[in-house]
Amino acid sequence: MITVGTPKRISATGLVTTSSAKLLGVLCNSSAAGTITLDDSFDGASGAPFANAIPMVAGAYLPIPATVAKALFCTIGGAADVTFFVA
């Protein structure tokens, strides 16, 4: 079981990883009605996100044990600054 990962901080919609990866979780650094939607794709257009409109709460860590085969794309709704931990 992987318990540590590389941090990747984002504050706008875009790619978290550009290849397959193991997602451990996400830390919300700040949020103003922020949400995240996660997709195993390069552009978020798969039509089948594996996590949809998760509310972000500043200071909260959310474990998300998932593997992506292609890439990890995050769509941010509202405003949020988040750090993903991936391996």
N, C-alpha and C. Protein backbone atom coordinates (compact mmCIF):
# COMPACT_ATOMS: atom_id res chain seq x y z
N MET A 1 0.84 -1.19 0.00
CA MET A 1 0.00 0.00 0.00
C MET A 1 0.88 1.25 0.00
N ILE A 2 0.58 2.16 -0.92
CA ILE A 2 1.33 3.42 -1.02
C ILE A 2 0.74 4.41 -0.03
N THR A 3 1.59 5.01 0.81
CA THR A 3 1.10 5.95 1.82
C THR A 3 1.60 7.37 1.63
N VAL A 4 2.55 7.56 0.72
CA VAL A 4 3.06 8.91 0.45
C VAL A 4 3.06 9.16 -1.05
N GLY A 5 2.94 10.43 -1.41
CA GLY A 5 2.93 10.77 -2.82
C GLY A 5 3.52 12.15 -3.05
N THR A 6 3.70 12.46 -4.30
CA THR A 6 4.23 13.75 -4.71
C THR A 6 3.11 14.79 -4.73
N PRO A 7 3.33 15.95 -4.11
CA PRO A 7 2.28 16.98 -4.13
C PRO A 7 2.23 17.72 -5.46
N LYS A 8 1.04 18.06 -5.89
CA LYS A 8 0.82 18.88 -7.09
C LYS A 8 -0.29 19.87 -6.76
N ARG A 9 0.08 21.15 -6.67
CA ARG A 9 -0.86 22.20 -6.28
C ARG A 9 -1.45 22.87 -7.51
N ILE A 10 -2.78 23.04 -7.53
CA ILE A 10 -3.44 23.73 -8.63
C ILE A 10 -4.52 24.66 -8.07
N SER A 11 -4.84 25.68 -8.83
CA SER A 11 -5.92 26.59 -8.44
C SER A 11 -6.82 26.92 -9.64
N ALA A 12 -6.60 26.21 -10.73
CA ALA A 12 -7.43 26.38 -11.93
C ALA A 12 -7.64 25.03 -12.58
N THR A 13 -8.69 24.91 -13.35
CA THR A 13 -8.99 23.68 -14.06
C THR A 13 -7.81 23.27 -14.93
N GLY A 14 -7.46 21.97 -14.90
CA GLY A 14 -6.37 21.48 -15.74
C GLY A 14 -5.88 20.12 -15.33
N LEU A 15 -4.78 19.71 -15.95
CA LEU A 15 -4.18 18.41 -15.69
C LEU A 15 -3.43 18.39 -14.37
N VAL A 16 -3.64 17.34 -13.62
CA VAL A 16 -2.86 17.09 -12.40
C VAL A 16 -1.69 16.18 -12.75
N THR A 17 -1.96 15.15 -13.57
CA THR A 17 -0.91 14.28 -14.09
C THR A 17 -1.11 14.13 -15.60
N THR A 18 -0.03 13.79 -16.30
CA THR A 18 -0.12 13.61 -17.74
C THR A 18 0.07 12.14 -18.14
N SER A 19 0.00 11.26 -17.16
CA SER A 19 0.12 9.83 -17.42
C SER A 19 -0.62 9.07 -16.32
N SER A 20 -0.56 7.75 -16.38
CA SER A 20 -1.22 6.95 -15.35
C SER A 20 -0.61 7.29 -13.99
N ALA A 21 -1.44 7.19 -12.95
CA ALA A 21 -0.98 7.54 -11.61
C ALA A 21 -1.92 6.95 -10.57
N LYS A 22 -1.43 6.93 -9.35
CA LYS A 22 -2.24 6.55 -8.21
C LYS A 22 -2.52 7.80 -7.40
N LEU A 23 -3.79 8.13 -7.25
CA LEU A 23 -4.20 9.29 -6.47
C LEU A 23 -4.40 8.84 -5.03
N LEU A 24 -3.76 9.56 -4.11
CA LEU A 24 -3.92 9.24 -2.69
C LEU A 24 -5.00 10.10 -2.06
N GLY A 25 -5.00 11.40 -2.40
CA GLY A 25 -5.98 12.30 -1.82
C GLY A 25 -5.72 13.73 -2.22
N VAL A 26 -6.52 14.63 -1.64
CA VAL A 26 -6.42 16.05 -1.96
C VAL A 26 -6.58 16.88 -0.69
N LEU A 27 -5.75 17.90 -0.56
CA LEU A 27 -5.80 18.85 0.55
C LEU A 27 -6.34 20.16 0.01
N CYS A 28 -7.36 20.71 0.65
CA CYS A 28 -7.90 21.99 0.23
C CYS A 28 -7.18 23.09 1.00
N ASN A 29 -6.44 23.94 0.28
CA ASN A 29 -5.71 25.04 0.91
C ASN A 29 -6.62 26.23 1.17
N SER A 30 -7.52 26.50 0.22
CA SER A 30 -8.50 27.58 0.38
C SER A 30 -9.65 27.30 -0.57
N SER A 31 -10.82 27.85 -0.22
CA SER A 31 -12.00 27.62 -1.05
C SER A 31 -13.03 28.72 -0.84
N ALA A 32 -13.67 29.11 -1.93
CA ALA A 32 -14.82 30.01 -1.89
C ALA A 32 -15.90 29.32 -2.73
N ALA A 33 -16.69 28.51 -2.06
CA ALA A 33 -17.71 27.69 -2.72
C ALA A 33 -17.09 26.80 -3.79
N GLY A 34 -15.86 26.31 -3.53
CA GLY A 34 -15.14 25.50 -4.51
C GLY A 34 -15.57 24.05 -4.53
N THR A 35 -15.53 23.47 -5.72
CA THR A 35 -15.77 22.04 -5.91
C THR A 35 -14.72 21.52 -6.88
N ILE A 36 -14.50 20.20 -6.83
CA ILE A 36 -13.64 19.56 -7.82
C ILE A 36 -14.37 18.39 -8.45
N THR A 37 -14.12 18.21 -9.74
CA THR A 37 -14.61 17.05 -10.49
C THR A 37 -13.38 16.40 -11.10
N LEU A 38 -13.25 15.08 -10.92
CA LEU A 38 -12.07 14.36 -11.36
C LEU A 38 -12.40 13.39 -12.48
N ASP A 39 -11.51 13.36 -13.46
CA ASP A 39 -11.73 12.56 -14.67
C ASP A 39 -10.42 11.88 -15.08
N ASP A 40 -10.53 10.65 -15.56
CA ASP A 40 -9.38 9.92 -16.09
C ASP A 40 -9.27 10.25 -17.58
N SER A 41 -8.76 11.46 -17.86
CA SER A 41 -8.63 11.91 -19.26
C SER A 41 -7.64 13.06 -19.33
N PHE A 42 -7.36 13.49 -20.55
CA PHE A 42 -6.43 14.61 -20.76
C PHE A 42 -7.13 15.95 -20.82
N ASP A 43 -8.48 15.94 -20.93
CA ASP A 43 -9.19 17.21 -21.10
C ASP A 43 -10.51 17.31 -20.34
N GLY A 44 -10.84 16.31 -19.54
CA GLY A 44 -12.08 16.35 -18.78
C GLY A 44 -13.32 16.07 -19.60
N ALA A 45 -13.14 15.63 -20.84
CA ALA A 45 -14.29 15.46 -21.74
C ALA A 45 -14.71 14.00 -21.90
N SER A 46 -14.33 13.13 -20.97
CA SER A 46 -14.69 11.72 -21.11
C SER A 46 -16.19 11.51 -20.95
N GLY A 47 -16.85 12.43 -20.25
CA GLY A 47 -18.28 12.28 -20.01
C GLY A 47 -18.59 11.36 -18.85
N ALA A 48 -17.55 10.85 -18.21
CA ALA A 48 -17.75 9.93 -17.09
C ALA A 48 -16.76 10.21 -15.96
N PRO A 49 -16.90 11.36 -15.28
CA PRO A 49 -15.98 11.64 -14.17
C PRO A 49 -16.15 10.59 -13.07
N PHE A 50 -15.04 10.24 -12.41
CA PHE A 50 -15.15 9.27 -11.33
C PHE A 50 -15.44 9.93 -9.99
N ALA A 51 -15.34 11.24 -9.93
CA ALA A 51 -15.73 12.01 -8.75
C ALA A 51 -16.32 13.32 -9.26
N ASN A 52 -17.53 13.64 -8.84
CA ASN A 52 -18.24 14.77 -9.43
C ASN A 52 -18.65 15.80 -8.39
N ALA A 53 -18.19 17.04 -8.58
CA ALA A 53 -18.59 18.19 -7.76
C ALA A 53 -18.41 17.95 -6.27
N ILE A 54 -17.22 17.50 -5.88
CA ILE A 54 -16.91 17.30 -4.46
C ILE A 54 -16.67 18.67 -3.83
N PRO A 55 -17.42 19.02 -2.78
CA PRO A 55 -17.21 20.32 -2.13
C PRO A 55 -15.84 20.37 -1.44
N MET A 56 -15.14 21.48 -1.60
CA MET A 56 -13.84 21.68 -0.97
C MET A 56 -14.00 22.57 0.26
N VAL A 57 -13.42 22.13 1.37
CA VAL A 57 -13.46 22.87 2.63
C VAL A 57 -12.02 23.18 3.02
N ALA A 58 -11.71 24.45 3.20
CA ALA A 58 -10.35 24.88 3.51
C ALA A 58 -9.82 24.14 4.73
N GLY A 59 -8.61 23.62 4.60
CA GLY A 59 -7.94 22.92 5.68
C GLY A 59 -8.26 21.44 5.77
N ALA A 60 -9.15 20.96 4.93
CA ALA A 60 -9.56 19.55 4.99
C ALA A 60 -8.78 18.71 3.99
N TYR A 61 -8.41 17.50 4.41
CA TYR A 61 -7.76 16.52 3.54
C TYR A 61 -8.79 15.44 3.24
N LEU A 62 -8.94 15.11 1.97
CA LEU A 62 -9.90 14.10 1.55
C LEU A 62 -9.16 12.95 0.88
N PRO A 63 -9.14 11.77 1.52
CA PRO A 63 -8.52 10.62 0.87
C PRO A 63 -9.35 10.19 -0.35
N ILE A 64 -8.68 9.98 -1.47
CA ILE A 64 -9.34 9.49 -2.68
C ILE A 64 -8.43 8.41 -3.27
N PRO A 65 -8.56 7.18 -2.79
CA PRO A 65 -7.69 6.11 -3.29
C PRO A 65 -8.17 5.64 -4.67
N ALA A 66 -7.55 6.16 -5.71
CA ALA A 66 -7.97 5.83 -7.08
C ALA A 66 -6.75 5.74 -7.98
N THR A 67 -6.88 4.93 -9.02
CA THR A 67 -5.85 4.82 -10.05
C THR A 67 -6.42 5.35 -11.35
N VAL A 68 -5.66 6.18 -12.04
CA VAL A 68 -6.08 6.65 -13.36
C VAL A 68 -5.17 6.01 -14.41
N ALA A 69 -5.75 5.60 -15.52
CA ALA A 69 -5.00 4.90 -16.56
C ALA A 69 -4.38 5.87 -17.57
N LYS A 70 -5.08 6.97 -17.87
CA LYS A 70 -4.61 7.91 -18.90
C LYS A 70 -3.90 9.11 -18.27
N ALA A 71 -4.67 9.90 -17.54
CA ALA A 71 -4.18 11.13 -16.91
C ALA A 71 -5.22 11.56 -15.88
N LEU A 72 -4.84 12.44 -14.98
CA LEU A 72 -5.80 12.97 -13.99
C LEU A 72 -6.11 14.41 -14.33
N PHE A 73 -7.36 14.68 -14.68
CA PHE A 73 -7.82 16.02 -15.02
C PHE A 73 -8.79 16.48 -13.94
N CYS A 74 -8.59 17.70 -13.46
CA CYS A 74 -9.44 18.27 -12.41
C CYS A 74 -10.15 19.52 -12.93
N THR A 75 -11.47 19.52 -12.80
CA THR A 75 -12.26 20.71 -13.11
C THR A 75 -12.62 21.37 -11.79
N ILE A 76 -12.25 22.63 -11.64
CA ILE A 76 -12.56 23.37 -10.42
C ILE A 76 -13.77 24.25 -10.67
N GLY A 77 -14.79 24.08 -9.82
CA GLY A 77 -15.96 24.95 -9.85
C GLY A 77 -15.84 25.95 -8.71
N GLY A 78 -16.35 27.15 -8.89
CA GLY A 78 -16.17 28.18 -7.86
C GLY A 78 -14.70 28.55 -7.81
N ALA A 79 -14.16 28.71 -6.62
CA ALA A 79 -12.74 29.02 -6.46
C ALA A 79 -12.15 28.09 -5.41
N ALA A 80 -11.05 27.45 -5.76
CA ALA A 80 -10.38 26.56 -4.82
C ALA A 80 -8.90 26.46 -5.17
N ASP A 81 -8.09 26.35 -4.14
CA ASP A 81 -6.66 26.10 -4.27
C ASP A 81 -6.44 24.77 -3.56
N VAL A 82 -6.01 23.76 -4.32
CA VAL A 82 -5.92 22.42 -3.76
C VAL A 82 -4.56 21.80 -4.07
N THR A 83 -4.14 20.86 -3.22
CA THR A 83 -2.92 20.10 -3.44
C THR A 83 -3.28 18.63 -3.52
N PHE A 84 -2.98 18.03 -4.67
CA PHE A 84 -3.19 16.59 -4.87
C PHE A 84 -1.92 15.86 -4.46
N PHE A 85 -2.09 14.66 -3.93
CA PHE A 85 -0.95 13.79 -3.62
C PHE A 85 -1.08 12.56 -4.50
N VAL A 86 -0.10 12.37 -5.39
CA VAL A 86 -0.15 11.30 -6.38
C VAL A 86 1.14 10.49 -6.34
N ALA A 87 1.03 9.22 -6.71
CA ALA A 87 2.20 8.33 -6.76
C ALA A 87 2.21 7.61 -8.09
